[in-house]
Amino acid sequence: MNENIVFVLDNKLQVAYVEQLSANLSINEVNFTNALDSNFIGFYDWLRVANNEINGVRLNPFDFAEEMIQRLPNRSYIRKLSDSAVEIYLTDNFSFIEQNSSDQDFGSCKIYKSETLGYAIGFNIDTLSLTEKQHLDTLIKETQDR
């Protein structure tokens, strides 16, 4: 099973699973390169609603990545926070339960850039449970159908 997920921040959110977050990725025939020379640009929290179902992800970037995060496009599914964090939502519901959403995952996390689609952010998901991964699969399919 692929243990990494990539959010392509296009007009419509695109999501793909990849085996590894390498320096270069190809998603739907679009090439992305690692925008920062780092495998780890910050820690992240999986945002959960009732029943611990994942609704999105919050990236808390390290200082060296903050400027790049601020360059992310304004999209309906992205919420930029005043502390340089960014939240990406898989649903139209921008709420979550904070006490269920404090993973502070330190897995691989990279930001990518492409010439045609702009930015993508990849996250390692190997710490998620099988149930959480299955729920993510369902949300992703719903997101792609919208």
Protein backbone atom coordinates (compact mmCIF):
# COMPACT_ATOMS: atom_id res chain seq x y z
CA MET A 1 0.00 0.00 0.00
CA ASN A 2 1.20 3.50 -0.80
CA GLU A 3 2.06 5.28 2.42
CA ASN A 4 2.10 8.87 1.14
CA ILE A 5 -0.61 11.20 -0.04
CA VAL A 6 -0.15 14.26 -2.26
CA PHE A 7 -2.58 17.17 -2.42
CA VAL A 8 -2.34 18.99 -5.76
CA LEU A 9 -3.55 22.53 -5.09
CA ASP A 10 -5.23 23.23 -8.41
CA ASN A 11 -8.55 25.05 -8.88
CA LYS A 12 -10.12 21.75 -7.91
CA LEU A 13 -8.26 19.78 -5.25
CA GLN A 14 -6.60 16.70 -6.68
CA VAL A 15 -5.33 13.92 -4.45
CA ALA A 16 -2.99 11.06 -5.30
CA TYR A 17 -1.24 8.29 -3.44
CA VAL A 18 2.45 7.75 -4.11
CA GLU A 19 4.87 5.12 -2.92
CA GLN A 20 7.43 7.65 -1.76
CA LEU A 21 7.86 11.40 -1.60
CA SER A 22 10.82 11.57 -3.93
CA ALA A 23 12.52 14.71 -5.25
CA ASN A 24 10.41 14.55 -8.42
CA LEU A 25 6.85 13.32 -8.81
CA SER A 26 4.60 12.77 -11.79
CA ILE A 27 0.88 13.00 -11.02
CA ASN A 28 -1.64 12.70 -13.84
CA GLU A 29 1.18 13.32 -16.32
CA VAL A 30 2.22 16.58 -14.61
CA ASN A 31 5.78 16.79 -13.30
CA PHE A 32 6.45 18.25 -9.87
CA THR A 33 9.82 18.98 -8.26
CA ASN A 34 10.63 19.41 -4.59
CA ALA A 35 10.37 23.18 -4.08
CA LEU A 36 12.54 23.17 -0.95
CA ASP A 37 15.58 21.01 -0.43
CA SER A 38 14.05 19.21 2.54
CA ASN A 39 12.19 16.00 3.30
CA PHE A 40 10.50 17.60 6.27
CA ILE A 41 9.07 21.12 6.08
CA GLY A 42 7.04 21.00 9.30
CA PHE A 43 4.79 18.88 11.44
CA TYR A 44 1.18 18.16 10.58
CA ASP A 45 -2.11 17.25 12.21
CA TRP A 46 -4.90 15.22 10.67
CA LEU A 47 -8.09 17.20 11.26
CA ARG A 48 -10.85 14.99 12.60
CA VAL A 49 -14.57 15.40 13.05
CA ALA A 50 -16.97 13.14 15.00
CA ASN A 51 -16.11 9.44 15.06
CA ASN A 52 -12.46 10.42 14.50
CA GLU A 53 -13.03 10.67 10.76
CA ILE A 54 -10.42 12.74 8.93
CA ASN A 55 -11.70 15.95 7.39
CA GLY A 56 -8.40 17.51 6.32
CA VAL A 57 -4.82 18.20 7.33
CA ARG A 58 -3.07 21.15 9.02
CA LEU A 59 0.58 21.84 8.19
CA ASN A 60 2.63 23.83 10.69
CA PRO A 61 5.71 24.76 8.67
CA PHE A 62 9.18 25.36 10.02
CA ASP A 63 10.58 28.90 9.62
CA PHE A 64 12.45 28.08 6.41
CA ALA A 65 9.22 26.91 4.73
CA GLU A 66 6.90 29.73 5.84
CA GLU A 67 7.52 31.96 2.82
CA MET A 68 6.76 29.12 0.41
CA ILE A 69 3.56 28.27 2.31
CA GLN A 70 2.44 31.91 2.07
CA ARG A 71 2.79 31.65 -1.73
CA LEU A 72 0.17 28.90 -1.92
CA PRO A 73 -2.84 29.91 -3.99
CA ASN A 74 -6.10 30.98 -2.43
CA ARG A 75 -8.49 28.10 -2.98
CA SER A 76 -11.91 27.32 -1.53
CA TYR A 77 -10.54 24.22 0.25
CA ILE A 78 -7.46 25.96 1.76
CA ARG A 79 -7.42 28.03 4.93
CA LYS A 80 -4.27 30.00 5.72
CA LEU A 81 -3.86 30.75 9.41
CA SER A 82 -2.21 33.75 11.03
CA ASP A 83 0.61 31.61 12.50
CA SER A 84 1.73 30.54 8.97
CA ALA A 85 -0.03 27.21 9.28
CA VAL A 86 -2.25 26.06 6.44
CA GLU A 87 -5.26 23.76 6.51
CA ILE A 88 -6.40 21.71 3.51
CA TYR A 89 -9.93 20.30 3.65
CA LEU A 90 -11.36 17.32 1.81
CA THR A 91 -14.95 18.39 2.47
CA ASP A 92 -16.90 21.64 2.56
CA ASN A 93 -16.99 21.37 6.36
CA PHE A 94 -14.18 23.51 7.80
CA SER A 95 -14.74 22.36 11.36
CA PHE A 96 -12.93 19.72 13.37
CA ILE A 97 -12.47 18.59 16.95
CA GLU A 98 -9.16 20.02 18.17
CA GLN A 99 -8.50 17.40 20.88
CA ASN A 100 -8.83 14.65 18.23
CA SER A 101 -6.60 16.51 15.78
CA SER A 102 -3.26 16.98 17.51
CA ASP A 103 -1.12 14.28 15.89
CA GLN A 104 1.97 16.45 15.38
CA ASP A 105 3.15 13.89 12.83
CA PHE A 106 6.81 14.15 11.97
CA GLY A 107 6.78 11.93 8.88
CA SER A 108 8.02 13.06 5.51
CA CYS A 109 6.32 16.22 4.35
CA LYS A 110 7.33 18.05 1.19
CA ILE A 111 6.11 20.92 -0.94
CA TYR A 112 6.33 20.56 -4.70
CA LYS A 113 6.06 22.98 -7.61
CA SER A 114 5.13 22.39 -11.23
CA GLU A 115 5.29 24.65 -14.25
CA THR A 116 1.62 24.10 -15.09
CA LEU A 117 -0.36 23.37 -11.93
CA GLY A 118 1.48 25.34 -9.27
CA TYR A 119 1.91 23.62 -5.92
CA ALA A 120 1.40 20.24 -4.30
CA ILE A 121 2.07 19.09 -0.75
CA GLY A 122 2.90 15.51 0.16
CA PHE A 123 2.42 13.84 3.54
CA ASN A 124 3.45 10.48 4.92
CA ILE A 125 0.41 8.56 6.18
CA ASP A 126 1.95 5.45 7.71
CA THR A 127 0.90 6.48 11.24
CA LEU A 128 -2.79 6.50 10.29
CA SER A 129 -4.86 3.46 11.22
CA LEU A 130 -6.35 1.22 8.56
CA THR A 131 -9.80 2.62 9.35
CA GLU A 132 -8.52 6.19 8.91
CA LYS A 133 -6.89 5.28 5.59
CA GLN A 134 -10.11 3.66 4.39
CA HIS A 135 -12.07 6.77 5.35
CA LEU A 136 -9.50 8.92 3.50
CA ASP A 137 -10.01 6.73 0.42
CA THR A 138 -13.75 7.36 0.57
CA LEU A 139 -13.29 11.12 0.96
CA ILE A 140 -10.82 11.27 -1.89
CA LYS A 141 -13.21 9.47 -4.24
CA GLU A 142 -15.97 11.91 -3.24
CA THR A 143 -13.60 14.87 -3.77
CA GLN A 144 -12.66 13.65 -7.26
CA ASP A 145 -16.34 13.24 -8.17
CA ARG A 146 -17.22 16.85 -7.24
